[in-house]
């Protein structure tokens, strides 16, 4: 008889836990800002032990020893290497990752180019950079008017 009561109470507890809301997680970060190269945008997004402090798109190339990521030789007249830099801190003892979608838009809010992917955020890091390097058309950078930033963090 006691076992039946314990089993019933246990099942009721499990059923009740399914009805209760899960622990709150930070909603993904979404913001649109005016487009600018080589300028930091304050983010201030925190989820668990991870804080995304700021982000920028930095123009690359023309640096001694820097190898272009252009996949077609001779095409450097039309492309510009850029690096998306995300400054973060991770106070936990385990790695996390940021899912990033960073795109630039023209005056009609049409996507020109950008980046979508996951980047690792090392454990016990403070104000470190996660970086993504790629080539894009110079014309697209000239036409860009807005930068749409979408970020989400999760344990790795």
N, C-alpha and C. Protein backbone atom coordinates (compact mmCIF):
# COMPACT_ATOMS: atom_id res chain seq x y z
N UNK A 1 0.82 -1.20 0.00
CA UNK A 1 0.00 0.00 0.00
C UNK A 1 0.86 1.26 0.00
N UNK A 2 1.89 1.29 0.86
CA UNK A 2 2.80 2.45 0.93
C UNK A 2 3.53 2.65 -0.39
N UNK A 3 3.90 1.51 -1.04
CA UNK A 3 4.59 1.64 -2.33
C UNK A 3 3.69 2.27 -3.39
N UNK A 4 2.42 1.94 -3.37
CA UNK A 4 1.48 2.50 -4.33
C UNK A 4 1.32 4.00 -4.12
N UNK A 5 1.28 4.45 -2.85
CA UNK A 5 1.17 5.88 -2.55
C UNK A 5 2.42 6.61 -3.02
N UNK A 6 3.59 6.04 -2.72
CA UNK A 6 4.86 6.64 -3.14
C UNK A 6 4.92 6.74 -4.66
N UNK A 7 4.50 5.68 -5.36
CA UNK A 7 4.52 5.69 -6.82
C UNK A 7 3.56 6.74 -7.37
N UNK A 8 2.40 6.88 -6.77
CA UNK A 8 1.41 7.87 -7.22
C UNK A 8 1.93 9.29 -7.00
N UNK A 9 2.50 9.53 -5.83
CA UNK A 9 3.07 10.85 -5.53
C UNK A 9 4.21 11.15 -6.49
N UNK A 10 5.05 10.16 -6.77
CA UNK A 10 6.17 10.35 -7.71
C UNK A 10 5.69 10.70 -9.10
N UNK A 11 4.66 10.00 -9.59
CA UNK A 11 4.11 10.30 -10.91
C UNK A 11 3.47 11.69 -10.94
N UNK A 12 2.80 12.04 -9.86
CA UNK A 12 2.20 13.38 -9.80
C UNK A 12 3.27 14.46 -9.83
N UNK A 13 4.37 14.25 -9.15
CA UNK A 13 5.47 15.22 -9.15
C UNK A 13 6.08 15.37 -10.53
N UNK A 14 6.26 14.25 -11.22
CA UNK A 14 6.80 14.30 -12.58
C UNK A 14 5.83 15.05 -13.49
N UNK A 15 4.53 14.75 -13.40
CA UNK A 15 3.54 15.43 -14.21
C UNK A 15 3.50 16.93 -13.94
N UNK A 16 3.59 17.30 -12.67
CA UNK A 16 3.60 18.72 -12.30
C UNK A 16 4.84 19.42 -12.84
N UNK A 17 5.98 18.76 -12.79
CA UNK A 17 7.21 19.39 -13.28
C UNK A 17 7.15 19.66 -14.78
N UNK A 18 6.40 18.84 -15.51
CA UNK A 18 6.25 19.08 -16.95
C UNK A 18 5.39 20.30 -17.23
N UNK A 19 4.50 20.63 -16.30
CA UNK A 19 3.63 21.79 -16.48
C UNK A 19 4.30 23.10 -16.08
N UNK A 20 5.31 23.04 -15.23
CA UNK A 20 5.99 24.25 -14.77
C UNK A 20 6.90 24.79 -15.86
N UNK A 21 7.07 26.09 -15.93
CA UNK A 21 7.97 26.65 -16.96
C UNK A 21 9.42 26.29 -16.66
N UNK A 22 10.20 26.16 -17.71
CA UNK A 22 11.63 25.88 -17.57
C UNK A 22 12.34 27.11 -17.03
N UNK A 23 13.55 26.88 -16.52
CA UNK A 23 14.36 28.00 -16.03
C UNK A 23 14.55 29.00 -17.16
N UNK A 24 14.47 30.25 -16.84
CA UNK A 24 14.56 31.30 -17.86
C UNK A 24 15.93 31.31 -18.50
N UNK A 25 15.96 31.38 -19.82
CA UNK A 25 17.18 31.55 -20.59
C UNK A 25 17.07 32.89 -21.29
N UNK A 26 18.18 33.51 -21.52
CA UNK A 26 18.15 34.80 -22.21
C UNK A 26 17.63 34.60 -23.64
N UNK A 27 16.80 35.51 -24.06
CA UNK A 27 16.32 35.48 -25.44
C UNK A 27 17.50 35.81 -26.35
N UNK A 28 17.48 35.31 -27.58
CA UNK A 28 18.57 35.66 -28.50
C UNK A 28 18.67 37.18 -28.65
N UNK A 29 19.88 37.66 -28.87
CA UNK A 29 20.14 39.09 -29.06
C UNK A 29 19.87 39.44 -30.51
N UNK A 30 19.09 40.49 -30.74
CA UNK A 30 18.81 40.98 -32.09
C UNK A 30 18.82 42.50 -32.07
N UNK A 31 19.61 43.07 -32.98
CA UNK A 31 19.64 44.53 -33.10
C UNK A 31 20.09 44.89 -34.50
N UNK A 32 19.54 46.01 -35.00
CA UNK A 32 19.98 46.57 -36.28
C UNK A 32 20.55 47.94 -35.99
N UNK A 33 21.76 48.18 -36.51
CA UNK A 33 22.48 49.44 -36.27
C UNK A 33 22.93 49.99 -37.63
N UNK A 34 23.27 51.28 -37.68
CA UNK A 34 23.83 51.82 -38.93
C UNK A 34 25.13 51.09 -39.27
N UNK A 35 25.32 50.79 -40.55
CA UNK A 35 26.52 50.06 -40.97
C UNK A 35 27.75 50.95 -40.90
N UNK A 36 28.83 50.41 -40.37
CA UNK A 36 30.12 51.11 -40.36
C UNK A 36 31.22 50.07 -40.24
N UNK A 37 32.25 50.24 -41.03
CA UNK A 37 33.44 49.40 -40.91
C UNK A 37 34.35 49.96 -39.83
N UNK A 38 35.10 49.07 -39.19
CA UNK A 38 36.14 49.46 -38.22
C UNK A 38 35.59 50.25 -37.03
N UNK A 39 34.35 50.01 -36.69
CA UNK A 39 33.72 50.70 -35.55
C UNK A 39 33.08 49.67 -34.62
N UNK A 40 33.35 49.79 -33.33
CA UNK A 40 32.77 48.88 -32.35
C UNK A 40 31.32 49.24 -32.09
N UNK A 41 30.47 48.21 -31.97
CA UNK A 41 29.08 48.36 -31.57
C UNK A 41 28.93 47.68 -30.21
N UNK A 42 28.47 48.44 -29.23
CA UNK A 42 28.24 47.87 -27.90
C UNK A 42 27.08 46.89 -27.97
N UNK A 43 27.29 45.71 -27.36
CA UNK A 43 26.26 44.68 -27.35
C UNK A 43 25.70 44.51 -25.94
N UNK A 44 26.56 44.18 -24.97
CA UNK A 44 26.11 44.03 -23.59
C UNK A 44 25.11 42.91 -23.39
N UNK A 45 25.25 41.82 -24.12
CA UNK A 45 24.34 40.67 -24.04
C UNK A 45 24.93 39.64 -23.10
N UNK A 46 24.16 39.22 -22.11
CA UNK A 46 24.64 38.22 -21.15
C UNK A 46 23.67 37.06 -21.10
N UNK A 47 24.22 35.85 -21.14
CA UNK A 47 23.44 34.63 -21.01
C UNK A 47 24.28 33.66 -20.19
N UNK A 48 23.82 33.35 -18.99
CA UNK A 48 24.59 32.48 -18.11
C UNK A 48 25.93 33.12 -17.82
N UNK A 49 27.02 32.34 -17.95
CA UNK A 49 28.35 32.87 -17.63
C UNK A 49 28.99 33.66 -18.76
N UNK A 50 28.30 33.81 -19.88
CA UNK A 50 28.89 34.45 -21.06
C UNK A 50 28.32 35.85 -21.24
N UNK A 51 29.22 36.80 -21.49
CA UNK A 51 28.83 38.15 -21.86
C UNK A 51 29.44 38.47 -23.22
N UNK A 52 28.62 38.92 -24.14
CA UNK A 52 29.10 39.44 -25.42
C UNK A 52 29.16 40.95 -25.23
N UNK A 53 30.38 41.50 -25.22
CA UNK A 53 30.57 42.92 -24.92
C UNK A 53 30.30 43.81 -26.12
N UNK A 54 30.92 43.46 -27.26
CA UNK A 54 30.79 44.33 -28.42
C UNK A 54 31.17 43.57 -29.68
N UNK A 55 30.93 44.20 -30.84
CA UNK A 55 31.16 43.56 -32.14
C UNK A 55 31.58 44.62 -33.14
N UNK A 56 32.42 44.22 -34.07
CA UNK A 56 32.75 45.12 -35.19
C UNK A 56 33.09 44.31 -36.42
N UNK A 57 33.01 44.99 -37.57
CA UNK A 57 33.49 44.44 -38.83
C UNK A 57 34.71 45.25 -39.19
N UNK A 58 35.85 44.58 -39.20
CA UNK A 58 37.11 45.27 -39.45
C UNK A 58 37.59 44.97 -40.86
N UNK A 59 37.99 46.03 -41.55
CA UNK A 59 38.56 45.89 -42.89
C UNK A 59 39.95 45.27 -42.75
N UNK A 60 40.24 44.27 -43.53
CA UNK A 60 41.55 43.61 -43.51
C UNK A 60 42.18 43.71 -44.88
N UNK A 61 43.47 43.40 -44.94
CA UNK A 61 44.18 43.43 -46.21
C UNK A 61 45.16 44.55 -46.24
N UNK A 62 46.14 44.41 -47.11
CA UNK A 62 47.17 45.43 -47.21
C UNK A 62 48.15 45.41 -46.06
N UNK A 63 48.03 44.42 -45.19
CA UNK A 63 48.95 44.31 -44.08
C UNK A 63 50.09 43.37 -44.45
N UNK A 64 51.28 43.71 -44.07
CA UNK A 64 52.43 42.87 -44.38
C UNK A 64 52.24 41.51 -43.71
N UNK A 65 52.36 40.47 -44.51
CA UNK A 65 52.24 39.12 -43.98
C UNK A 65 50.81 38.61 -43.89
N UNK A 66 49.83 39.45 -44.25
CA UNK A 66 48.44 39.02 -44.19
C UNK A 66 48.09 38.34 -45.50
N UNK A 67 47.60 37.13 -45.42
CA UNK A 67 47.23 36.38 -46.61
C UNK A 67 45.74 36.57 -46.87
N UNK A 68 45.40 37.04 -48.05
CA UNK A 68 44.00 37.25 -48.40
C UNK A 68 43.27 35.91 -48.45
N UNK A 69 41.98 35.96 -48.13
CA UNK A 69 41.17 34.76 -48.21
C UNK A 69 40.43 34.69 -49.54
N UNK A 70 40.79 35.54 -50.49
CA UNK A 70 40.16 35.53 -51.79
C UNK A 70 40.44 34.20 -52.47
N UNK A 71 39.38 33.55 -52.92
CA UNK A 71 39.53 32.22 -53.49
C UNK A 71 39.90 32.25 -54.96
N UNK A 72 39.73 33.38 -55.64
CA UNK A 72 40.07 33.47 -57.05
C UNK A 72 41.19 34.48 -57.24
N UNK A 73 42.38 34.02 -57.54
CA UNK A 73 43.51 34.95 -57.73
C UNK A 73 43.18 35.98 -58.81
N UNK A 74 43.68 37.18 -58.62
CA UNK A 74 43.45 38.24 -59.60
C UNK A 74 42.14 38.98 -59.38
N UNK A 75 41.38 38.59 -58.37
CA UNK A 75 40.07 39.19 -58.13
C UNK A 75 40.13 40.25 -57.04
N UNK A 76 41.31 40.64 -56.61
CA UNK A 76 41.44 41.55 -55.48
C UNK A 76 40.94 42.96 -55.79
N UNK A 77 40.80 43.29 -57.05
CA UNK A 77 40.29 44.61 -57.41
C UNK A 77 38.85 44.81 -56.94
N UNK A 78 38.09 43.72 -56.85
CA UNK A 78 36.66 43.81 -56.58
C UNK A 78 36.25 43.35 -55.19
N UNK A 79 37.18 42.75 -54.45
CA UNK A 79 36.81 42.20 -53.14
C UNK A 79 37.62 42.84 -52.02
N UNK A 80 37.06 42.76 -50.83
CA UNK A 80 37.70 43.27 -49.63
C UNK A 80 37.62 42.18 -48.56
N UNK A 81 38.74 41.89 -47.94
CA UNK A 81 38.74 40.98 -46.81
C UNK A 81 38.22 41.73 -45.59
N UNK A 82 37.33 41.09 -44.86
CA UNK A 82 36.79 41.67 -43.62
C UNK A 82 36.82 40.60 -42.53
N UNK A 83 36.84 41.06 -41.31
CA UNK A 83 36.83 40.15 -40.17
C UNK A 83 35.76 40.62 -39.19
N UNK A 84 34.82 39.75 -38.89
CA UNK A 84 33.85 40.04 -37.84
C UNK A 84 34.51 39.66 -36.53
N UNK A 85 34.54 40.59 -35.60
CA UNK A 85 35.16 40.38 -34.30
C UNK A 85 34.09 40.52 -33.22
N UNK A 86 34.00 39.50 -32.37
CA UNK A 86 33.06 39.51 -31.25
C UNK A 86 33.88 39.44 -29.97
N UNK A 87 33.80 40.50 -29.17
CA UNK A 87 34.51 40.51 -27.89
C UNK A 87 33.60 39.89 -26.82
N UNK A 88 34.14 38.89 -26.10
CA UNK A 88 33.33 38.16 -25.14
C UNK A 88 34.11 37.88 -23.87
N UNK A 89 33.37 37.53 -22.82
CA UNK A 89 33.93 36.98 -21.59
C UNK A 89 33.13 35.74 -21.25
N UNK A 90 33.81 34.70 -20.77
CA UNK A 90 33.18 33.45 -20.36
C UNK A 90 33.75 33.09 -19.00
N UNK A 91 32.97 33.27 -17.95
CA UNK A 91 33.47 33.03 -16.60
C UNK A 91 33.35 31.57 -16.15
N UNK A 92 32.78 30.72 -16.97
CA UNK A 92 32.61 29.31 -16.57
C UNK A 92 33.90 28.52 -16.82
N UNK A 93 33.91 27.31 -16.31
CA UNK A 93 35.06 26.43 -16.49
C UNK A 93 34.85 25.50 -17.68
N UNK A 94 33.86 25.79 -18.52
CA UNK A 94 33.64 25.00 -19.72
C UNK A 94 33.45 25.92 -20.92
N UNK A 95 33.72 25.39 -22.09
CA UNK A 95 33.58 26.16 -23.32
C UNK A 95 32.11 26.37 -23.65
N UNK A 96 31.83 27.51 -24.24
CA UNK A 96 30.51 27.83 -24.78
C UNK A 96 30.70 28.17 -26.24
N UNK A 97 29.62 28.41 -26.95
CA UNK A 97 29.72 28.87 -28.34
C UNK A 97 28.68 29.94 -28.60
N UNK A 98 29.00 30.79 -29.55
CA UNK A 98 28.06 31.81 -29.98
C UNK A 98 27.59 31.44 -31.38
N UNK A 99 26.29 31.43 -31.57
CA UNK A 99 25.71 31.29 -32.90
C UNK A 99 25.49 32.71 -33.38
N UNK A 100 26.13 33.05 -34.48
CA UNK A 100 26.10 34.43 -34.96
C UNK A 100 25.52 34.48 -36.37
N UNK A 101 24.69 35.48 -36.58
CA UNK A 101 24.23 35.85 -37.93
C UNK A 101 24.38 37.36 -38.01
N UNK A 102 25.36 37.78 -38.80
CA UNK A 102 25.68 39.20 -38.94
C UNK A 102 25.62 39.52 -40.43
N UNK A 103 24.66 40.37 -40.81
CA UNK A 103 24.48 40.68 -42.23
C UNK A 103 24.38 42.19 -42.42
N UNK A 104 24.85 42.64 -43.59
CA UNK A 104 24.67 44.04 -43.92
C UNK A 104 23.59 44.16 -44.98
N UNK A 105 22.83 45.26 -44.85
CA UNK A 105 21.65 45.50 -45.67
C UNK A 105 21.82 46.78 -46.48
N UNK A 106 21.16 46.82 -47.63
CA UNK A 106 21.18 48.04 -48.43
C UNK A 106 20.08 48.99 -47.96
N UNK A 107 19.87 50.07 -48.69
CA UNK A 107 18.89 51.08 -48.31
C UNK A 107 17.46 50.55 -48.33
N UNK A 108 17.23 49.44 -49.05
CA UNK A 108 15.90 48.82 -49.12
C UNK A 108 15.76 47.63 -48.17
N UNK A 109 16.68 47.51 -47.23
CA UNK A 109 16.70 46.41 -46.25
C UNK A 109 16.89 45.03 -46.88
N UNK A 110 17.51 45.00 -48.06
CA UNK A 110 17.84 43.73 -48.70
C UNK A 110 19.22 43.29 -48.23
N UNK A 111 19.37 42.00 -47.93
CA UNK A 111 20.65 41.47 -47.48
C UNK A 111 21.65 41.52 -48.62
N UNK A 112 22.82 42.09 -48.34
CA UNK A 112 23.91 42.15 -49.31
C UNK A 112 24.84 40.96 -49.12
N UNK A 113 25.32 40.80 -47.88
CA UNK A 113 26.29 39.75 -47.57
C UNK A 113 26.34 39.63 -46.06
N UNK A 114 27.14 38.71 -45.57
CA UNK A 114 27.29 38.57 -44.14
C UNK A 114 27.86 37.23 -43.75
N UNK A 115 27.65 36.89 -42.50
CA UNK A 115 28.21 35.67 -41.92
C UNK A 115 27.15 34.98 -41.09
N UNK A 116 27.11 33.66 -41.18
CA UNK A 116 26.26 32.85 -40.32
C UNK A 116 27.07 31.62 -39.92
N UNK A 117 27.23 31.41 -38.61
CA UNK A 117 27.98 30.25 -38.15
C UNK A 117 28.15 30.25 -36.64
N UNK A 118 28.87 29.26 -36.16
CA UNK A 118 29.14 29.09 -34.73
C UNK A 118 30.62 29.32 -34.47
N UNK A 119 30.90 29.98 -33.37
CA UNK A 119 32.29 30.21 -32.97
C UNK A 119 32.43 29.83 -31.50
N UNK A 120 33.55 29.17 -31.17
CA UNK A 120 33.80 28.75 -29.81
C UNK A 120 34.20 29.91 -28.91
N UNK A 121 33.74 29.84 -27.66
CA UNK A 121 34.08 30.83 -26.64
C UNK A 121 34.76 30.07 -25.51
N UNK A 122 36.08 30.19 -25.44
CA UNK A 122 36.86 29.43 -24.48
C UNK A 122 36.49 29.70 -23.03
N UNK A 123 36.77 28.71 -22.20
CA UNK A 123 36.46 28.83 -20.77
C UNK A 123 37.39 29.80 -20.07
N UNK A 124 36.89 30.42 -19.04
CA UNK A 124 37.64 31.35 -18.19
C UNK A 124 38.40 32.40 -18.99
N UNK A 125 37.71 32.98 -19.95
CA UNK A 125 38.27 34.04 -20.80
C UNK A 125 37.64 35.37 -20.41
N UNK A 126 38.40 36.45 -20.52
CA UNK A 126 37.88 37.77 -20.23
C UNK A 126 38.27 38.73 -21.34
N UNK A 127 37.29 39.32 -21.99
CA UNK A 127 37.48 40.29 -23.07
C UNK A 127 38.39 39.74 -24.17
N UNK A 128 38.09 38.52 -24.61
CA UNK A 128 38.80 37.89 -25.72
C UNK A 128 37.99 38.09 -27.00
N UNK A 129 38.61 37.79 -28.15
CA UNK A 129 37.93 37.96 -29.44
C UNK A 129 37.67 36.63 -30.11
N UNK A 130 36.45 36.45 -30.57
CA UNK A 130 36.11 35.39 -31.52
C UNK A 130 36.10 36.08 -32.89
N UNK A 131 36.78 35.50 -33.88
CA UNK A 131 36.92 36.19 -35.17
C UNK A 131 36.53 35.28 -36.33
N UNK A 132 35.92 35.89 -37.35
CA UNK A 132 35.52 35.21 -38.56
C UNK A 132 36.01 36.03 -39.74
N UNK A 133 36.88 35.48 -40.55
CA UNK A 133 37.51 36.19 -41.65
C UNK A 133 36.96 35.68 -42.98
N UNK A 134 36.59 36.60 -43.87
CA UNK A 134 36.13 36.21 -45.20
C UNK A 134 36.23 37.39 -46.15
N UNK A 135 36.01 37.13 -47.42
CA UNK A 135 36.05 38.17 -48.45
C UNK A 135 34.63 38.51 -48.89
N UNK A 136 34.43 39.77 -49.22
CA UNK A 136 33.13 40.23 -49.69
C UNK A 136 33.37 41.26 -50.80
N UNK A 137 32.35 41.56 -51.55
CA UNK A 137 32.50 42.54 -52.63
C UNK A 137 32.62 43.95 -52.07
N UNK A 138 33.57 44.72 -52.61
CA UNK A 138 33.72 46.12 -52.22
C UNK A 138 32.43 46.89 -52.51
N UNK A 139 31.79 46.57 -53.62
CA UNK A 139 30.54 47.25 -53.98
C UNK A 139 29.49 47.07 -52.88
N UNK A 140 29.38 45.86 -52.35
CA UNK A 140 28.41 45.60 -51.29
C UNK A 140 28.71 46.40 -50.04
N UNK A 141 29.98 46.55 -49.70
CA UNK A 141 30.35 47.36 -48.54
C UNK A 141 29.99 48.83 -48.77
N UNK A 142 30.18 49.29 -50.02
CA UNK A 142 29.82 50.68 -50.34
C UNK A 142 28.31 50.91 -50.27
N UNK A 143 27.52 49.89 -50.59
CA UNK A 143 26.07 50.01 -50.61
C UNK A 143 25.41 49.74 -49.26
N UNK A 144 26.16 49.18 -48.33
CA UNK A 144 25.59 48.80 -47.03
C UNK A 144 25.16 50.03 -46.24
N UNK A 145 23.97 49.95 -45.66
CA UNK A 145 23.43 51.05 -44.85
C UNK A 145 23.12 50.62 -43.42
N UNK A 146 22.84 49.33 -43.23
CA UNK A 146 22.50 48.82 -41.90
C UNK A 146 23.23 47.50 -41.64
N UNK A 147 23.42 47.22 -40.37
CA UNK A 147 24.04 45.98 -39.94
C UNK A 147 23.06 45.28 -39.00
N UNK A 148 22.63 44.09 -39.37
CA UNK A 148 21.71 43.31 -38.52
C UNK A 148 22.55 42.27 -37.78
N UNK A 149 22.45 42.30 -36.45
CA UNK A 149 23.23 41.42 -35.58
C UNK A 149 22.27 40.50 -34.84
N UNK A 150 22.49 39.20 -34.95
CA UNK A 150 21.71 38.21 -34.21
C UNK A 150 22.70 37.26 -33.54
N UNK A 151 22.60 37.14 -32.21
CA UNK A 151 23.53 36.32 -31.45
C UNK A 151 22.77 35.46 -30.44
N UNK A 152 23.28 34.26 -30.24
CA UNK A 152 22.73 33.35 -29.23
C UNK A 152 23.90 32.54 -28.69
N UNK A 153 23.96 32.35 -27.38
CA UNK A 153 25.04 31.55 -26.80
C UNK A 153 24.46 30.30 -26.15
N UNK A 154 25.31 29.26 -26.12
CA UNK A 154 24.92 28.00 -25.50
C UNK A 154 26.18 27.22 -25.13
N UNK A 155 26.03 26.28 -24.20
CA UNK A 155 27.20 25.46 -23.86
C UNK A 155 27.71 24.71 -25.09
N UNK A 156 29.00 24.54 -25.19
CA UNK A 156 29.60 23.84 -26.34
C UNK A 156 29.54 22.35 -26.12
